[in-house]
Amino acid sequence: MITIQGFAKLCGCNTQTLRYYDRIGLLTPAKVDEWTGYRYYEEEQAMLFVKIKNLQQADFTIEEIKALLPGNDDLLMAAFERKIEEQQQKLERIREIQRSYLKETMDMQKLVSTIIVFVDEHLNNPVLWEEFGADMDRRTEITAKAHAILADMLAKNRETLETVPLTMDDQAVSGAENVIRAIQEGNLDSAGRILVNPDGTEEPDGVPEDAAVIFERHGWSHISEWIREMPLLKEAGERYCVFELTAESAANDVDLPMMMLVMMASEMDELKGGVTCNTIPSKDGQNHFRLLYKKTGTSS
C-alpha cells in the first residue's frame, strides 16, 4: 500500500483531488486507519485514477463515469466515440450560431430602427397632441405603447415569416423584411392598422351598412372635449372611426388616423378586432365624429 501523498505523486495530482474523488464515490482509498485517519491506496488503483481523469476531461458526468468504471476498455472506447459525436453536433450548432449572429444583429438593428422611425414620424406633431389634450406624461405612455405593439408584431413575424397583418392596396405583405421595407417606404393604409391590429383581421373597404353608431359628437372644436367619453369596446369586433372635419380644424392632419388609433390601443391591454379610421371634409362647416361598431362574424 501507499500513502495518499505517495499515491498523489504517482498519479500526478494533488491530495485534494483524491479526497474529492473519495467524497463523490469515484475512487475510495483501499484502507483508512481507524486511529489516525490516514488514507492508503493500492498502487493498482492508479489505473482507475487514469480512467476517471480521462472520462472527466472528456466531459462525462459523474454519474456517467460511475457507470463506466466497471467496464473494460472496449466499453470505454465506444463511450468515447459517442461523446465525440455529441461534441461534433455541439460544435456544428456553435458554428451555425456564429454564422447567424451577424445577420440576426443586423435584423435586430433594422427592427429597432423601423420601430423608432415609424412611431416618431407619425406621433411627432405637437398640435395633434394638444388636440387630444395629452400632457407630456401621457405622450410618453402612448408612444411607449405604440413602440411595444409594433415591436411585438415585427418580432412575431421575424420568427414565423407568416403572412403579416398589414394590408396595402388590398394585398397582404409577407415576411419580416417585406414588412420593414413597407414601413420604411411609407406604404401603409391611411388607418395604420399595423399598430392596432396585430391579429391581422381583414380591413373592409368601407363602413358596412349594418355597423351600429355607438358614439357620436357634433359641433366640437377640439377632440379633447369628448375623447375621454368614448367607449373602449373591449369585445371582439370591427370599429370604425369617421371624422368630418372643417379645413380650419387643428385635427385636420394626415397623421390624425394614426394618432386616434394609437390613443385607442393605449387604453386597452388587448384590442380584439380591427380599427379603421377615416377623415372626410365637413359639409356644414362643423366638426363631427362617429364611432361605429360591428361584431365579428356578422353579415354585412
C-alpha atoms as a PDB file:
ATOM      1  CA  MET A   1       0.000   0.000   0.000  1.00  0.00           C
ATOM      2  CA  ILE A   2       0.974   3.627  -0.445  1.00  0.00           C
ATOM      3  CA  THR A   3       0.030   6.793   1.435  1.00  0.00           C
ATOM      4  CA  ILE A   4      -2.254   9.383  -0.080  1.00  0.00           C
ATOM      5  CA  GLN A   5       0.724  11.677  -0.613  1.00  0.00           C
ATOM      6  CA  GLY A   6       2.630   8.963  -2.442  1.00  0.00           C
ATOM      7  CA  PHE A   7      -0.394   7.935  -4.482  1.00  0.00           C
ATOM      8  CA  ALA A   8      -0.976  11.587  -5.456  1.00  0.00           C
ATOM      9  CA  LYS A   9       2.634  11.849  -6.706  1.00  0.00           C
ATOM     10  CA  LEU A  10       2.241   8.586  -8.605  1.00  0.00           C
ATOM     11  CA  CYS A  11      -0.906   9.833 -10.314  1.00  0.00           C
ATOM     12  CA  GLY A  12       0.392  13.356 -10.913  1.00  0.00           C
ATOM     13  CA  CYS A  13      -2.362  15.075  -8.926  1.00  0.00           C
ATOM     14  CA  ASN A  14      -2.807  16.600  -5.501  1.00  0.00           C
ATOM     15  CA  THR A  15      -4.338  15.081  -2.382  1.00  0.00           C
ATOM     16  CA  GLN A  16      -7.357  17.409  -2.618  1.00  0.00           C
ATOM     17  CA  THR A  17      -8.329  15.742  -5.894  1.00  0.00           C
ATOM     18  CA  LEU A  18      -8.128  12.291  -4.320  1.00  0.00           C
ATOM     19  CA  ARG A  19     -10.231  13.405  -1.349  1.00  0.00           C
ATOM     20  CA  TYR A  20     -12.796  14.853  -3.767  1.00  0.00           C
ATOM     21  CA  TYR A  21     -12.955  11.594  -5.748  1.00  0.00           C
ATOM     22  CA  ASP A  22     -13.460   9.724  -2.465  1.00  0.00           C
ATOM     23  CA  ARG A  23     -16.219  12.134  -1.362  1.00  0.00           C
ATOM     24  CA  ILE A  24     -18.248  11.679  -4.565  1.00  0.00           C
ATOM     25  CA  GLY A  25     -17.758   7.921  -4.631  1.00  0.00           C
ATOM     26  CA  LEU A  26     -15.431   7.571  -7.624  1.00  0.00           C
ATOM     27  CA  LEU A  27     -12.179   6.430  -6.026  1.00  0.00           C
ATOM     28  CA  THR A  28     -12.104   5.368  -2.385  1.00  0.00           C
ATOM     29  CA  PRO A  29      -8.905   4.500  -0.501  1.00  0.00           C
ATOM     30  CA  ALA A  30      -8.082   0.840  -0.113  1.00  0.00           C
ATOM     31  CA  LYS A  31      -7.730   1.442   3.613  1.00  0.00           C
ATOM     32  CA  VAL A  32      -8.304   4.197   6.166  1.00  0.00           C
ATOM     33  CA  ASP A  33      -6.529   3.852   9.519  1.00  0.00           C
ATOM     34  CA  GLU A  34      -9.190   3.918  12.217  1.00  0.00           C
ATOM     35  CA  TRP A  35      -6.886   5.625  14.722  1.00  0.00           C
ATOM     36  CA  THR A  36      -5.035   8.170  12.605  1.00  0.00           C
ATOM     37  CA  GLY A  37      -7.457   8.587   9.714  1.00  0.00           C
ATOM     38  CA  TYR A  38      -4.582   8.168   7.250  1.00  0.00           C
ATOM     39  CA  ARG A  39      -5.621   7.040   3.785  1.00  0.00           C
ATOM     40  CA  TYR A  40      -3.807   4.313   1.904  1.00  0.00           C
ATOM     41  CA  TYR A  41      -4.126   3.246  -1.709  1.00  0.00           C
ATOM     42  CA  GLU A  42      -3.140   0.202  -3.686  1.00  0.00           C
ATOM     43  CA  GLU A  43      -0.725   1.068  -6.483  1.00  0.00           C
ATOM     44  CA  GLU A  44      -3.034  -0.721  -8.932  1.00  0.00           C
ATOM     45  CA  GLN A  45      -5.703   1.909  -8.210  1.00  0.00           C
ATOM     46  CA  ALA A  46      -3.641   4.285 -10.326  1.00  0.00           C
ATOM     47  CA  MET A  47      -5.210   2.617 -13.414  1.00  0.00           C
ATOM     48  CA  LEU A  48      -8.626   3.519 -12.038  1.00  0.00           C
ATOM     49  CA  PHE A  49      -7.464   7.096 -11.473  1.00  0.00           C
ATOM     50  CA  VAL A  50      -6.343   7.355 -15.103  1.00  0.00           C
ATOM     51  CA  LYS A  51      -9.746   6.129 -16.256  1.00  0.00           C
ATOM     52  CA  ILE A  52     -11.600   8.647 -14.048  1.00  0.00           C
ATOM     53  CA  LYS A  53      -9.377  11.560 -15.053  1.00  0.00           C
ATOM     54  CA  ASN A  54      -9.744  10.931 -18.760  1.00  0.00           C
ATOM     55  CA  LEU A  55     -13.505  10.435 -18.596  1.00  0.00           C
ATOM     56  CA  GLN A  56     -13.829  13.650 -16.608  1.00  0.00           C
ATOM     57  CA  GLN A  57     -11.673  15.571 -19.075  1.00  0.00           C
ATOM     58  CA  ALA A  58     -13.858  14.221 -21.890  1.00  0.00           C
ATOM     59  CA  ASP A  59     -16.858  15.947 -20.281  1.00  0.00           C
ATOM     60  CA  PHE A  60     -18.569  12.840 -18.916  1.00  0.00           C
ATOM     61  CA  THR A  61     -20.798  13.488 -15.919  1.00  0.00           C
ATOM     62  CA  ILE A  62     -20.069  11.930 -12.536  1.00  0.00           C
ATOM     63  CA  GLU A  63     -22.984   9.533 -12.941  1.00  0.00           C
ATOM     64  CA  GLU A  64     -21.761   8.542 -16.410  1.00  0.00           C
ATOM     65  CA  ILE A  65     -18.268   7.916 -15.048  1.00  0.00           C
ATOM     66  CA  LYS A  66     -19.611   5.727 -12.226  1.00  0.00           C
ATOM     67  CA  ALA A  67     -21.492   3.632 -14.774  1.00  0.00           C
ATOM     68  CA  LEU A  68     -18.418   3.240 -16.991  1.00  0.00           C
ATOM     69  CA  LEU A  69     -15.818   2.447 -14.330  1.00  0.00           C
ATOM     70  CA  PRO A  70     -16.617  -1.294 -14.108  1.00  0.00           C
ATOM     71  CA  GLY A  71     -16.415  -1.651 -17.904  1.00  0.00           C
ATOM     72  CA  ASN A  72     -13.464  -2.802 -19.972  1.00  0.00           C
ATOM     73  CA  ASP A  73     -11.519  -0.689 -22.457  1.00  0.00           C
ATOM     74  CA  ASP A  74     -13.768  -1.685 -25.371  1.00  0.00           C
ATOM     75  CA  LEU A  75     -16.760  -0.288 -23.493  1.00  0.00           C
ATOM     76  CA  LEU A  76     -14.861   2.902 -22.745  1.00  0.00           C
ATOM     77  CA  MET A  77     -13.749   3.353 -26.349  1.00  0.00           C
ATOM     78  CA  ALA A  78     -17.367   3.041 -27.501  1.00  0.00           C
ATOM     79  CA  ALA A  79     -18.375   5.635 -24.900  1.00  0.00           C
ATOM     80  CA  PHE A  80     -15.633   7.979 -26.153  1.00  0.00           C
ATOM     81  CA  GLU A  81     -16.928   7.611 -29.719  1.00  0.00           C
ATOM     82  CA  ARG A  82     -20.436   8.553 -28.628  1.00  0.00           C
ATOM     83  CA  LYS A  83     -19.088  11.537 -26.742  1.00  0.00           C
ATOM     84  CA  ILE A  84     -17.095  12.621 -29.804  1.00  0.00           C
ATOM     85  CA  GLU A  85     -20.287  12.504 -31.893  1.00  0.00           C
ATOM     86  CA  GLU A  86     -22.127  14.575 -29.276  1.00  0.00           C
ATOM     87  CA  GLN A  87     -19.345  17.151 -29.211  1.00  0.00           C
ATOM     88  CA  GLN A  88     -19.278  17.322 -33.008  1.00  0.00           C
ATOM     89  CA  GLN A  89     -23.007  18.081 -33.008  1.00  0.00           C
ATOM     90  CA  LYS A  90     -22.469  20.777 -30.385  1.00  0.00           C
ATOM     91  CA  LEU A  91     -19.627  22.228 -32.421  1.00  0.00           C
ATOM     92  CA  GLU A  92     -21.773  22.358 -35.550  1.00  0.00           C
ATOM     93  CA  ARG A  93     -24.514  24.073 -33.571  1.00  0.00           C
ATOM     94  CA  ILE A  94     -21.998  26.683 -32.384  1.00  0.00           C
ATOM     95  CA  ARG A  95     -20.876  27.186 -35.972  1.00  0.00           C
ATOM     96  CA  GLU A  96     -24.495  27.737 -37.001  1.00  0.00           C
ATOM     97  CA  ILE A  97     -24.919  30.307 -34.231  1.00  0.00           C
ATOM     98  CA  GLN A  98     -21.710  32.003 -35.329  1.00  0.00           C
ATOM     99  CA  ARG A  99     -22.942  32.195 -38.916  1.00  0.00           C
ATOM    100  CA  SER A 100     -26.333  33.564 -37.934  1.00  0.00           C
ATOM    101  CA  TYR A 101     -25.118  36.024 -35.318  1.00  0.00           C
ATOM    102  CA  LEU A 102     -24.199  38.901 -37.615  1.00  0.00           C
ATOM    103  CA  LYS A 103     -27.364  38.551 -39.682  1.00  0.00           C
ATOM    104  CA  GLU A 104     -29.518  38.440 -36.567  1.00  0.00           C
ATOM    105  CA  THR A 105     -27.758  41.510 -35.210  1.00  0.00           C
ATOM    106  CA  MET A 106     -28.394  43.391 -38.461  1.00  0.00           C
ATOM    107  CA  ASP A 107     -32.035  42.259 -38.480  1.00  0.00           C
ATOM    108  CA  MET A 108     -32.465  43.493 -34.924  1.00  0.00           C
ATOM    109  CA  GLN A 109     -30.941  46.846 -35.843  1.00  0.00           C
ATOM    110  CA  LYS A 110     -33.432  47.106 -38.710  1.00  0.00           C
ATOM    111  CA  LEU A 111     -36.323  46.252 -36.402  1.00  0.00           C
ATOM    112  CA  VAL A 112     -35.310  48.799 -33.786  1.00  0.00           C
ATOM    113  CA  SER A 113     -34.697  51.490 -36.398  1.00  0.00           C
ATOM    114  CA  THR A 114     -38.014  50.754 -38.101  1.00  0.00           C
ATOM    115  CA  ILE A 115     -39.953  50.981 -34.857  1.00  0.00           C
ATOM    116  CA  ILE A 116     -38.327  54.230 -33.753  1.00  0.00           C
ATOM    117  CA  VAL A 117     -38.593  55.986 -37.111  1.00  0.00           C
ATOM    118  CA  PHE A 118     -42.139  54.866 -37.849  1.00  0.00           C
ATOM    119  CA  VAL A 119     -43.584  55.780 -34.463  1.00  0.00           C
ATOM    120  CA  ASP A 120     -41.697  59.054 -34.162  1.00  0.00           C
ATOM    121  CA  GLU A 121     -42.714  60.201 -37.647  1.00  0.00           C
ATOM    122  CA  HIS A 122     -46.396  59.598 -37.028  1.00  0.00           C
ATOM    123  CA  LEU A 123     -46.566  60.711 -33.388  1.00  0.00           C
ATOM    124  CA  ASN A 124     -44.416  63.804 -33.613  1.00  0.00           C
ATOM    125  CA  ASN A 125     -46.971  66.529 -34.187  1.00  0.00           C
ATOM    126  CA  PRO A 126     -47.364  68.752 -31.082  1.00  0.00           C
ATOM    127  CA  VAL A 127     -50.551  70.271 -32.495  1.00  0.00           C
ATOM    128  CA  LEU A 128     -52.231  66.858 -32.567  1.00  0.00           C
ATOM    129  CA  TRP A 129     -51.053  66.040 -29.050  1.00  0.00           C
ATOM    130  CA  GLU A 130     -52.659  69.269 -27.877  1.00  0.00           C
ATOM    131  CA  GLU A 131     -55.768  68.429 -29.896  1.00  0.00           C
ATOM    132  CA  PHE A 132     -56.125  65.222 -27.856  1.00  0.00           C
ATOM    133  CA  GLY A 133     -55.325  67.023 -24.602  1.00  0.00           C
ATOM    134  CA  ALA A 134     -52.335  64.810 -23.829  1.00  0.00           C
ATOM    135  CA  ASP A 135     -49.694  66.127 -21.429  1.00  0.00           C
ATOM    136  CA  MET A 136     -46.047  65.025 -21.544  1.00  0.00           C
ATOM    137  CA  ASP A 137     -46.596  62.017 -19.269  1.00  0.00           C
ATOM    138  CA  ARG A 138     -49.488  60.851 -21.414  1.00  0.00           C
ATOM    139  CA  ARG A 139     -47.461  61.346 -24.583  1.00  0.00           C
ATOM    140  CA  THR A 140     -44.667  59.169 -23.183  1.00  0.00           C
ATOM    141  CA  GLU A 141     -47.125  56.463 -22.183  1.00  0.00           C
ATOM    142  CA  ILE A 142     -48.877  56.407 -25.552  1.00  0.00           C
ATOM    143  CA  THR A 143     -45.639  56.469 -27.540  1.00  0.00           C
ATOM    144  CA  ALA A 144     -44.259  53.576 -25.480  1.00  0.00           C
ATOM    145  CA  LYS A 145     -47.444  51.604 -26.164  1.00  0.00           C
ATOM    146  CA  ALA A 146     -47.078  52.213 -29.898  1.00  0.00           C
ATOM    147  CA  HIS A 147     -43.457  51.051 -29.773  1.00  0.00           C
ATOM    148  CA  ALA A 148     -44.470  47.907 -27.871  1.00  0.00           C
ATOM    149  CA  ILE A 149     -47.280  46.938 -30.239  1.00  0.00           C
ATOM    150  CA  LEU A 150     -45.176  47.403 -33.339  1.00  0.00           C
ATOM    151  CA  ALA A 151     -42.210  45.581 -31.768  1.00  0.00           C
ATOM    152  CA  ASP A 152     -44.423  42.637 -30.841  1.00  0.00           C
ATOM    153  CA  MET A 153     -45.850  42.369 -34.337  1.00  0.00           C
ATOM    154  CA  LEU A 154     -42.458  42.592 -36.036  1.00  0.00           C
ATOM    155  CA  ALA A 155     -40.878  40.124 -33.598  1.00  0.00           C
ATOM    156  CA  LYS A 156     -43.580  37.521 -34.187  1.00  0.00           C
ATOM    157  CA  ASN A 157     -43.288  37.760 -37.928  1.00  0.00           C
ATOM    158  CA  ARG A 158     -39.500  37.757 -37.838  1.00  0.00           C
ATOM    159  CA  GLU A 159     -39.702  34.333 -36.196  1.00  0.00           C
ATOM    160  CA  THR A 160     -42.516  32.774 -38.200  1.00  0.00           C
ATOM    161  CA  LEU A 161     -42.269  34.615 -41.539  1.00  0.00           C
ATOM    162  CA  GLU A 162     -46.001  34.059 -41.880  1.00  0.00           C
ATOM    163  CA  THR A 163     -48.348  36.456 -43.663  1.00  0.00           C
ATOM    164  CA  VAL A 164     -48.407  39.566 -41.532  1.00  0.00           C
ATOM    165  CA  PRO A 165     -51.383  41.708 -40.503  1.00  0.00           C
ATOM    166  CA  LEU A 166     -50.539  44.547 -42.841  1.00  0.00           C
ATOM    167  CA  THR A 167     -52.667  45.362 -45.868  1.00  0.00           C
ATOM    168  CA  MET A 168     -51.740  47.688 -48.707  1.00  0.00           C
ATOM    169  CA  ASP A 169     -53.782  48.137 -51.825  1.00  0.00           C
ATOM    170  CA  ASP A 170     -55.810  45.032 -50.940  1.00  0.00           C
ATOM    171  CA  GLN A 171     -52.652  42.911 -50.730  1.00  0.00           C
ATOM    172  CA  ALA A 172     -51.094  41.228 -47.705  1.00  0.00           C
ATOM    173  CA  VAL A 173     -47.392  41.764 -47.090  1.00  0.00           C
ATOM    174  CA  SER A 174     -45.460  38.612 -46.145  1.00  0.00           C
ATOM    175  CA  GLY A 175     -42.222  38.189 -44.251  1.00  0.00           C
ATOM    176  CA  ALA A 176     -40.414  40.400 -41.770  1.00  0.00           C
ATOM    177  CA  GLU A 177     -38.125  42.002 -44.349  1.00  0.00           C
ATOM    178  CA  ASN A 178     -41.062  42.944 -46.561  1.00  0.00           C
ATOM    179  CA  VAL A 179     -42.880  44.418 -43.575  1.00  0.00           C
ATOM    180  CA  ILE A 180     -39.862  46.512 -42.669  1.00  0.00           C
ATOM    181  CA  ARG A 181     -39.491  47.675 -46.256  1.00  0.00           C
ATOM    182  CA  ALA A 182     -43.178  48.566 -46.472  1.00  0.00           C
ATOM    183  CA  ILE A 183     -42.992  50.616 -43.292  1.00  0.00           C
ATOM    184  CA  GLN A 184     -39.800  52.375 -44.301  1.00  0.00           C
ATOM    185  CA  GLU A 185     -41.255  53.285 -47.694  1.00  0.00           C
ATOM    186  CA  GLY A 186     -44.457  54.552 -46.095  1.00  0.00           C
ATOM    187  CA  ASN A 187     -46.678  52.104 -47.978  1.00  0.00           C
ATOM    188  CA  LEU A 188     -49.263  51.888 -45.222  1.00  0.00           C
ATOM    189  CA  ASP A 189     -53.001  52.275 -45.446  1.00  0.00           C
ATOM    190  CA  SER A 190     -54.263  55.559 -44.024  1.00  0.00           C
ATOM    191  CA  ALA A 191     -55.647  53.862 -40.918  1.00  0.00           C
ATOM    192  CA  GLY A 192     -52.238  52.480 -39.944  1.00  0.00           C
ATOM    193  CA  ARG A 193     -53.763  49.186 -38.855  1.00  0.00           C
ATOM    194  CA  ILE A 194     -50.347  47.679 -38.381  1.00  0.00           C
ATOM    195  CA  LEU A 195     -50.194  49.277 -34.936  1.00  0.00           C
ATOM    196  CA  VAL A 196     -53.607  48.434 -33.583  1.00  0.00           C
ATOM    197  CA  ASN A 197     -54.495  45.213 -35.333  1.00  0.00           C
ATOM    198  CA  PRO A 198     -51.720  42.706 -34.559  1.00  0.00           C
ATOM    199  CA  ASP A 199     -54.051  39.746 -35.125  1.00  0.00           C
ATOM    200  CA  GLY A 200     -54.495  40.670 -38.768  1.00  0.00           C
ATOM    201  CA  THR A 201     -58.245  40.749 -39.371  1.00  0.00           C
ATOM    202  CA  GLU A 202     -59.009  41.863 -42.892  1.00  0.00           C
ATOM    203  CA  GLU A 203     -59.819  45.523 -43.316  1.00  0.00           C
ATOM    204  CA  PRO A 204     -63.126  46.190 -45.093  1.00  0.00           C
ATOM    205  CA  ASP A 205     -63.270  48.643 -47.979  1.00  0.00           C
ATOM    206  CA  GLY A 206     -65.714  50.907 -46.146  1.00  0.00           C
ATOM    207  CA  VAL A 207     -68.102  51.083 -43.218  1.00  0.00           C
ATOM    208  CA  PRO A 208     -70.642  48.224 -43.528  1.00  0.00           C
ATOM    209  CA  GLU A 209     -74.290  49.227 -43.651  1.00  0.00           C
ATOM    210  CA  ASP A 210     -75.112  47.179 -40.559  1.00  0.00           C
ATOM    211  CA  ALA A 211     -72.392  48.771 -38.394  1.00  0.00           C
ATOM    212  CA  ALA A 212     -74.084  50.491 -35.461  1.00  0.00           C
ATOM    213  CA  VAL A 213     -73.305  54.017 -34.310  1.00  0.00           C
ATOM    214  CA  ILE A 214     -72.439  53.722 -30.637  1.00  0.00           C
ATOM    215  CA  PHE A 215     -70.927  57.134 -30.005  1.00  0.00           C
ATOM    216  CA  GLU A 216     -71.025  60.484 -31.784  1.00  0.00           C
ATOM    217  CA  ARG A 217     -70.202  64.101 -31.162  1.00  0.00           C
ATOM    218  CA  HIS A 218     -71.049  67.126 -33.317  1.00  0.00           C
ATOM    219  CA  GLY A 219     -70.058  70.767 -33.443  1.00  0.00           C
ATOM    220  CA  TRP A 220     -66.954  70.395 -31.332  1.00  0.00           C
ATOM    221  CA  SER A 221     -63.765  72.440 -31.593  1.00  0.00           C
ATOM    222  CA  HIS A 222     -61.195  70.009 -30.179  1.00  0.00           C
ATOM    223  CA  ILE A 223     -61.061  66.226 -29.793  1.00  0.00           C
ATOM    224  CA  SER A 224     -60.070  66.665 -26.150  1.00  0.00           C
ATOM    225  CA  GLU A 225     -63.656  67.819 -25.451  1.00  0.00           C
ATOM    226  CA  TRP A 226     -65.039  64.285 -25.897  1.00  0.00           C
ATOM    227  CA  ILE A 227     -62.207  61.748 -26.274  1.00  0.00           C
ATOM    228  CA  ARG A 228     -62.442  60.516 -22.684  1.00  0.00           C
ATOM    229  CA  GLU A 229     -66.177  59.908 -23.073  1.00  0.00           C
ATOM    230  CA  MET A 230     -65.719  57.482 -25.953  1.00  0.00           C
ATOM    231  CA  PRO A 231     -66.432  53.829 -25.009  1.00  0.00           C
ATOM    232  CA  LEU A 232     -63.478  51.418 -25.203  1.00  0.00           C
ATOM    233  CA  LEU A 233     -65.342  48.435 -26.672  1.00  0.00           C
ATOM    234  CA  LYS A 234     -63.271  45.561 -25.336  1.00  0.00           C
ATOM    235  CA  GLU A 235     -65.409  42.962 -27.108  1.00  0.00           C
ATOM    236  CA  ALA A 236     -64.221  41.424 -30.367  1.00  0.00           C
ATOM    237  CA  GLY A 237     -65.382  43.256 -33.463  1.00  0.00           C
ATOM    238  CA  GLU A 238     -64.633  45.905 -36.046  1.00  0.00           C
ATOM    239  CA  ARG A 239     -64.545  49.567 -35.046  1.00  0.00           C
ATOM    240  CA  TYR A 240     -64.919  52.452 -37.489  1.00  0.00           C
ATOM    241  CA  CYS A 241     -63.907  56.000 -36.575  1.00  0.00           C
ATOM    242  CA  VAL A 242     -65.290  58.570 -39.008  1.00  0.00           C
ATOM    243  CA  PHE A 243     -64.207  62.222 -38.794  1.00  0.00           C
ATOM    244  CA  GLU A 244     -65.896  65.021 -40.727  1.00  0.00           C
ATOM    245  CA  LEU A 245     -63.570  67.994 -40.333  1.00  0.00           C
ATOM    246  CA  THR A 246     -63.507  71.602 -41.392  1.00  0.00           C
ATOM    247  CA  ALA A 247     -60.447  72.860 -43.226  1.00  0.00           C
ATOM    248  CA  GLU A 248     -59.620  75.084 -40.243  1.00  0.00           C
ATOM    249  CA  SER A 249     -59.723  72.244 -37.673  1.00  0.00           C
ATOM    250  CA  ALA A 250     -56.453  71.528 -35.904  1.00  0.00           C
ATOM    251  CA  ALA A 251     -57.372  67.848 -36.186  1.00  0.00           C
ATOM    252  CA  ASN A 252     -57.275  68.041 -39.968  1.00  0.00           C
ATOM    253  CA  ASP A 253     -53.882  66.389 -40.324  1.00  0.00           C
ATOM    254  CA  VAL A 254     -52.569  63.381 -42.243  1.00  0.00           C
ATOM    255  CA  ASP A 255     -51.482  61.712 -39.003  1.00  0.00           C
ATOM    256  CA  LEU A 256     -54.857  62.046 -37.267  1.00  0.00           C
ATOM    257  CA  PRO A 257     -55.906  58.429 -38.044  1.00  0.00           C
ATOM    258  CA  MET A 258     -52.672  57.063 -36.625  1.00  0.00           C
ATOM    259  CA  MET A 259     -52.925  59.210 -33.511  1.00  0.00           C
ATOM    260  CA  MET A 260     -56.537  58.217 -32.965  1.00  0.00           C
ATOM    261  CA  LEU A 261     -55.836  54.513 -33.308  1.00  0.00           C
ATOM    262  CA  VAL A 262     -52.834  54.582 -31.019  1.00  0.00           C
ATOM    263  CA  MET A 263     -54.823  56.545 -28.434  1.00  0.00           C
ATOM    264  CA  MET A 264     -57.486  53.835 -28.521  1.00  0.00           C
ATOM    265  CA  ALA A 265     -54.962  50.995 -28.345  1.00  0.00           C
ATOM    266  CA  SER A 266     -53.173  52.617 -25.409  1.00  0.00           C
ATOM    267  CA  GLU A 267     -56.322  52.282 -23.299  1.00  0.00           C
ATOM    268  CA  MET A 268     -56.557  48.513 -23.732  1.00  0.00           C
ATOM    269  CA  ASP A 269     -54.419  45.552 -22.752  1.00  0.00           C
ATOM    270  CA  GLU A 270     -55.682  43.763 -25.862  1.00  0.00           C
ATOM    271  CA  LEU A 271     -57.587  45.124 -28.821  1.00  0.00           C
ATOM    272  CA  LYS A 272     -59.798  42.333 -30.144  1.00  0.00           C
ATOM    273  CA  GLY A 273     -60.579  43.030 -33.776  1.00  0.00           C
ATOM    274  CA  GLY A 274     -59.664  45.883 -36.053  1.00  0.00           C
ATOM    275  CA  VAL A 275     -59.994  49.630 -36.165  1.00  0.00           C
ATOM    276  CA  THR A 276     -60.432  51.719 -39.276  1.00  0.00           C
ATOM    277  CA  CYS A 277     -60.156  55.478 -39.064  1.00  0.00           C
ATOM    278  CA  ASN A 278     -61.128  57.789 -41.925  1.00  0.00           C
ATOM    279  CA  THR A 279     -61.450  61.558 -42.363  1.00  0.00           C
ATOM    280  CA  ILE A 280     -63.678  63.391 -44.838  1.00  0.00           C
ATOM    281  CA  PRO A 281     -64.362  67.099 -45.383  1.00  0.00           C
ATOM    282  CA  SER A 282     -67.215  68.616 -43.409  1.00  0.00           C
ATOM    283  CA  LYS A 283     -70.224  69.712 -45.460  1.00  0.00           C
ATOM    284  CA  ASP A 284     -71.781  72.066 -42.895  1.00  0.00           C
ATOM    285  CA  GLY A 285     -68.767  73.951 -41.503  1.00  0.00           C
ATOM    286  CA  GLN A 286     -68.732  71.969 -38.249  1.00  0.00           C
ATOM    287  CA  ASN A 287     -66.618  69.119 -36.915  1.00  0.00           C
ATOM    288  CA  HIS A 288     -68.287  65.719 -36.481  1.00  0.00           C
ATOM    289  CA  PHE A 289     -67.179  62.345 -35.153  1.00  0.00           C
ATOM    290  CA  ARG A 290     -68.904  58.967 -35.201  1.00  0.00           C
ATOM    291  CA  LEU A 291     -67.753  55.647 -33.763  1.00  0.00           C
ATOM    292  CA  LEU A 292     -69.433  52.656 -35.353  1.00  0.00           C
ATOM    293  CA  TYR A 293     -69.165  49.030 -34.326  1.00  0.00           C
ATOM    294  CA  LYS A 294     -69.848  45.672 -35.891  1.00  0.00           C
ATOM    295  CA  LYS A 295     -69.484  42.357 -34.064  1.00  0.00           C
ATOM    296  CA  THR A 296     -67.086  39.885 -35.580  1.00  0.00           C
ATOM    297  CA  GLY A 297     -68.801  37.334 -37.777  1.00  0.00           C
ATOM    298  CA  THR A 298     -71.996  39.276 -38.520  1.00  0.00           C
ATOM    299  CA  SER A 299     -73.063  39.690 -42.121  1.00  0.00           C
ATOM    300  CA  SER A 300     -72.787  42.958 -43.972  1.00  0.00           C
END
